[in-house]
N, C-alpha and C. Protein backbone atom coordinates (compact mmCIF):
# COMPACT_ATOMS: atom_id res chain seq x y z
N MET A 1 -27.10 35.88 -8.13
CA MET A 1 -26.10 35.64 -7.94
C MET A 1 -25.64 36.34 -9.16
N SER A 2 -24.93 37.85 -9.00
CA SER A 2 -24.66 38.15 -10.50
C SER A 2 -22.90 37.67 -10.47
N PRO A 3 -22.74 37.45 -11.79
CA PRO A 3 -21.25 37.06 -12.42
C PRO A 3 -20.17 37.90 -11.12
N ARG A 4 -20.47 39.26 -10.84
CA ARG A 4 -19.20 39.94 -10.25
C ARG A 4 -19.14 39.08 -9.20
N ASN A 5 -20.68 39.62 -8.24
CA ASN A 5 -20.49 39.01 -7.12
C ASN A 5 -20.02 37.33 -7.03
N ARG A 6 -20.17 36.60 -7.55
CA ARG A 6 -19.66 35.30 -7.55
C ARG A 6 -17.84 35.06 -7.81
N ALA A 7 -17.62 36.52 -8.40
CA ALA A 7 -16.29 36.14 -8.54
C ALA A 7 -15.56 36.71 -7.60
N ASP A 8 -16.50 37.62 -7.15
CA ASP A 8 -15.56 38.01 -5.48
C ASP A 8 -15.88 37.14 -4.47
N ASP A 9 -16.67 36.30 -4.50
CA ASP A 9 -16.91 35.39 -3.24
C ASP A 9 -15.77 34.37 -3.89
N ARG A 10 -15.66 33.66 -4.82
CA ARG A 10 -14.77 32.87 -5.31
C ARG A 10 -13.39 33.35 -4.46
N ARG A 11 -13.19 34.76 -5.00
CA ARG A 11 -11.58 35.42 -4.27
C ARG A 11 -11.71 35.27 -2.77
N GLU A 12 -12.67 35.50 -2.19
CA GLU A 12 -12.90 35.55 -0.80
C GLU A 12 -12.61 34.46 -0.11
N HIS A 13 -13.27 33.15 -0.97
CA HIS A 13 -13.17 31.66 -0.39
C HIS A 13 -11.91 31.20 -0.68
N ALA A 14 -11.21 31.48 -1.62
CA ALA A 14 -9.42 31.39 -2.19
C ALA A 14 -8.61 32.08 -1.04
N ARG A 15 -9.05 33.36 -0.35
CA ARG A 15 -8.29 33.80 0.59
C ARG A 15 -8.25 33.36 1.73
N LEU A 16 -9.42 33.00 2.28
CA LEU A 16 -10.06 32.44 3.51
C LEU A 16 -9.03 31.05 3.44
N LEU A 17 -9.21 30.00 2.63
CA LEU A 17 -9.01 28.62 2.53
C LEU A 17 -6.95 29.06 2.56
N ALA A 18 -6.58 29.93 1.97
CA ALA A 18 -5.31 30.78 2.56
C ALA A 18 -4.58 31.33 3.68
N ALA A 19 -5.85 31.79 4.32
CA ALA A 19 -5.48 32.48 5.91
C ALA A 19 -5.72 31.11 6.92
N LYS A 20 -6.49 30.16 6.00
CA LYS A 20 -6.50 28.71 7.13
C LYS A 20 -5.40 28.12 6.98
N ALA A 21 -4.64 27.84 6.07
CA ALA A 21 -3.30 26.98 6.13
C ALA A 21 -2.53 28.04 6.80
N ARG A 22 -2.45 29.12 6.81
CA ARG A 22 -1.11 30.15 7.19
C ARG A 22 -1.44 29.92 8.81
N LEU A 23 -3.04 30.02 9.32
CA LEU A 23 -2.93 29.62 10.84
C LEU A 23 -2.45 28.38 11.26
N ALA A 24 -2.96 27.25 10.47
CA ALA A 24 -2.49 26.02 10.60
C ALA A 24 -0.94 25.99 10.86
N ALA A 25 -0.18 26.56 10.02
CA ALA A 25 1.44 26.86 10.08
C ALA A 25 2.01 27.60 11.30
N ASP A 26 0.99 28.59 11.74
CA ASP A 26 1.52 29.12 12.89
C ASP A 26 1.25 28.27 14.24
N VAL A 27 -0.28 27.86 13.82
CA VAL A 27 -0.33 26.85 15.60
C VAL A 27 1.02 25.69 15.27
N ALA A 28 1.26 25.22 14.58
CA ALA A 28 2.44 24.18 14.40
C ALA A 28 3.66 25.09 14.96
N ALA A 29 3.87 26.00 14.54
CA ALA A 29 5.20 26.68 15.10
C ALA A 29 4.77 26.68 17.15
N LEU A 30 3.62 27.35 16.98
CA LEU A 30 3.20 27.54 18.32
C LEU A 30 3.22 26.53 19.30
N GLU A 31 2.94 25.14 18.58
CA GLU A 31 2.93 24.11 19.45
C GLU A 31 4.37 23.63 19.91
N ALA A 32 4.97 23.80 18.99
CA ALA A 32 6.76 23.67 19.03
C ALA A 32 7.17 24.36 20.37
N GLU A 33 6.92 26.19 20.12
CA GLU A 33 7.78 26.38 20.99
C GLU A 33 6.80 26.54 22.09
N PHE A 34 5.37 25.92 22.78
CA PHE A 34 5.03 25.43 23.57
C PHE A 34 6.02 24.06 24.41
N ARG A 35 6.25 23.50 23.43
CA ARG A 35 6.85 22.51 24.08
C ARG A 35 8.40 22.36 24.88
N ALA A 36 8.91 23.61 23.92
CA ALA A 36 9.67 23.80 24.40
C ALA A 36 10.41 24.80 25.25
N ALA A 37 9.00 25.57 26.01
CA ALA A 37 8.81 26.42 26.91
C ALA A 37 9.04 26.04 28.06
N LYS A 38 10.11 26.42 28.98
CA LYS A 38 11.07 26.33 30.32
C LYS A 38 9.84 26.50 31.35
N THR A 39 9.33 28.12 31.60
CA THR A 39 8.38 28.28 32.62
C THR A 39 6.86 28.34 31.87
N PRO A 40 6.27 28.07 33.23
CA PRO A 40 4.82 27.80 33.24
C PRO A 40 4.60 29.17 32.58
N ARG A 41 4.84 30.60 33.14
CA ARG A 41 4.44 31.49 32.38
C ARG A 41 4.54 31.98 30.82
N GLU A 42 5.53 31.22 30.62
CA GLU A 42 6.02 30.88 28.80
C GLU A 42 4.88 30.17 28.22
N ARG A 43 4.51 28.77 28.81
CA ARG A 43 3.61 28.22 28.41
C ARG A 43 1.99 28.62 28.75
N HIS A 44 1.97 29.53 29.52
CA HIS A 44 0.70 29.96 29.60
C HIS A 44 0.22 31.48 28.20
N SER A 45 1.09 32.02 28.26
CA SER A 45 1.31 32.72 27.29
C SER A 45 1.24 32.58 25.54
N ILE A 46 1.94 30.89 25.54
CA ILE A 46 1.64 30.59 24.43
C ILE A 46 0.43 29.74 24.29
N ASN A 47 -0.39 29.20 25.16
CA ASN A 47 -1.24 28.55 25.28
C ASN A 47 -2.42 29.83 25.19
N GLU A 48 -1.97 30.68 25.29
CA GLU A 48 -3.26 32.11 25.40
C GLU A 48 -3.57 31.99 23.88
N ASP A 49 -2.17 32.09 23.27
CA ASP A 49 -2.17 32.11 21.46
C ASP A 49 -2.92 31.19 21.09
N LEU A 50 -2.39 29.90 21.22
CA LEU A 50 -3.09 29.13 21.06
C LEU A 50 -4.85 28.87 20.76
N TYR A 51 -5.29 29.48 22.27
CA TYR A 51 -6.79 29.70 22.31
C TYR A 51 -7.24 30.20 20.86
N LEU A 52 -6.53 31.56 20.96
CA LEU A 52 -6.91 32.79 19.84
C LEU A 52 -6.89 31.94 18.70
N CYS A 53 -5.89 31.30 18.24
CA CYS A 53 -5.88 30.33 16.66
C CYS A 53 -7.05 30.05 16.85
N MET A 54 -7.15 29.01 17.69
CA MET A 54 -8.39 28.21 17.48
C MET A 54 -9.59 29.05 17.45
N LEU A 55 -9.86 29.98 17.92
CA LEU A 55 -11.06 30.75 17.85
C LEU A 55 -11.13 31.16 16.29
N PHE A 56 -9.92 32.06 15.64
CA PHE A 56 -10.03 32.28 14.40
C PHE A 56 -10.07 30.74 13.48
N ASP A 57 -9.70 29.61 13.74
CA ASP A 57 -9.62 28.17 13.09
C ASP A 57 -11.50 27.86 12.93
N VAL A 58 -12.44 28.33 14.34
CA VAL A 58 -13.55 27.64 13.91
C VAL A 58 -14.34 29.28 13.15
N LEU A 59 -13.87 29.94 13.23
CA LEU A 59 -14.51 31.41 12.39
C LEU A 59 -13.97 31.47 11.07
N PHE A 60 -13.09 30.80 10.46
CA PHE A 60 -12.74 30.56 9.25
C PHE A 60 -13.30 29.64 8.71
N ASP A 61 -13.55 28.36 9.94
CA ASP A 61 -14.47 27.26 8.97
C ASP A 61 -16.01 27.76 8.71
N TRP A 62 -16.35 28.76 9.76
CA TRP A 62 -17.93 29.14 9.59
C TRP A 62 -17.58 29.97 8.49
N GLN A 63 -16.66 30.44 7.92
CA GLN A 63 -16.91 31.81 6.68
C GLN A 63 -16.81 31.08 5.62
N ILE A 64 -15.91 29.63 5.56
CA ILE A 64 -15.72 29.40 4.38
C ILE A 64 -17.01 28.49 4.17
N GLU A 65 -17.80 27.77 4.50
CA GLU A 65 -19.03 27.02 4.90
C GLU A 65 -19.79 27.79 3.81
N ALA A 66 -20.05 28.99 4.84
CA ALA A 66 -20.92 30.21 4.65
C ALA A 66 -21.15 30.39 2.86
N LEU A 67 -19.88 30.86 2.27
CA LEU A 67 -19.07 30.77 1.21
C LEU A 67 -19.32 29.63 0.25
N ALA A 68 -19.13 28.49 0.32
CA ALA A 68 -19.18 27.47 0.14
C ALA A 68 -20.88 27.37 -0.49
N LYS A 69 -21.27 27.04 0.24
CA LYS A 69 -22.74 26.91 0.18
C LYS A 69 -23.29 28.32 -0.80
N ARG A 70 -22.99 29.17 -0.61
CA ARG A 70 -23.32 30.65 -1.53
C ARG A 70 -23.19 30.17 -2.86
N LEU A 71 -21.81 29.96 -3.18
CA LEU A 71 -21.19 29.28 -4.52
C LEU A 71 -22.08 28.20 -5.16
N GLU A 72 -22.23 27.07 -4.46
CA GLU A 72 -23.47 25.87 -4.85
C GLU A 72 -24.19 26.29 -5.14
N GLY A 73 -24.65 27.50 -5.44
CA GLY A 73 -26.25 28.15 -5.97
C GLY A 73 -26.24 27.76 -7.43
N PRO A 74 -27.42 28.42 -8.00
CA PRO A 74 -27.57 28.35 -9.41
C PRO A 74 -26.95 29.84 -9.83
N ASP A 75 -26.24 29.22 -11.18
CA ASP A 75 -25.68 30.50 -11.90
C ASP A 75 -26.90 31.14 -12.47
N PRO A 76 -26.70 32.75 -12.54
CA PRO A 76 -27.32 33.44 -12.79
C PRO A 76 -27.97 33.15 -14.50
């Protein structure tokens, strides 16, 4: 892997870690909103958002793991 590609991968890895942290904060806020929701309709809507967050979390984990493995490879 060229040094430029490795640097790009490091930046992307850092960006994904930051996105995952922001997602965790969003999930915490949604969970608090869910607990405060008064109607089933509100809870259903929030639950759908939480489901999408879960999907993004899995996607970020997969991408972070793939980049980490690529970065573990030998330097050129």
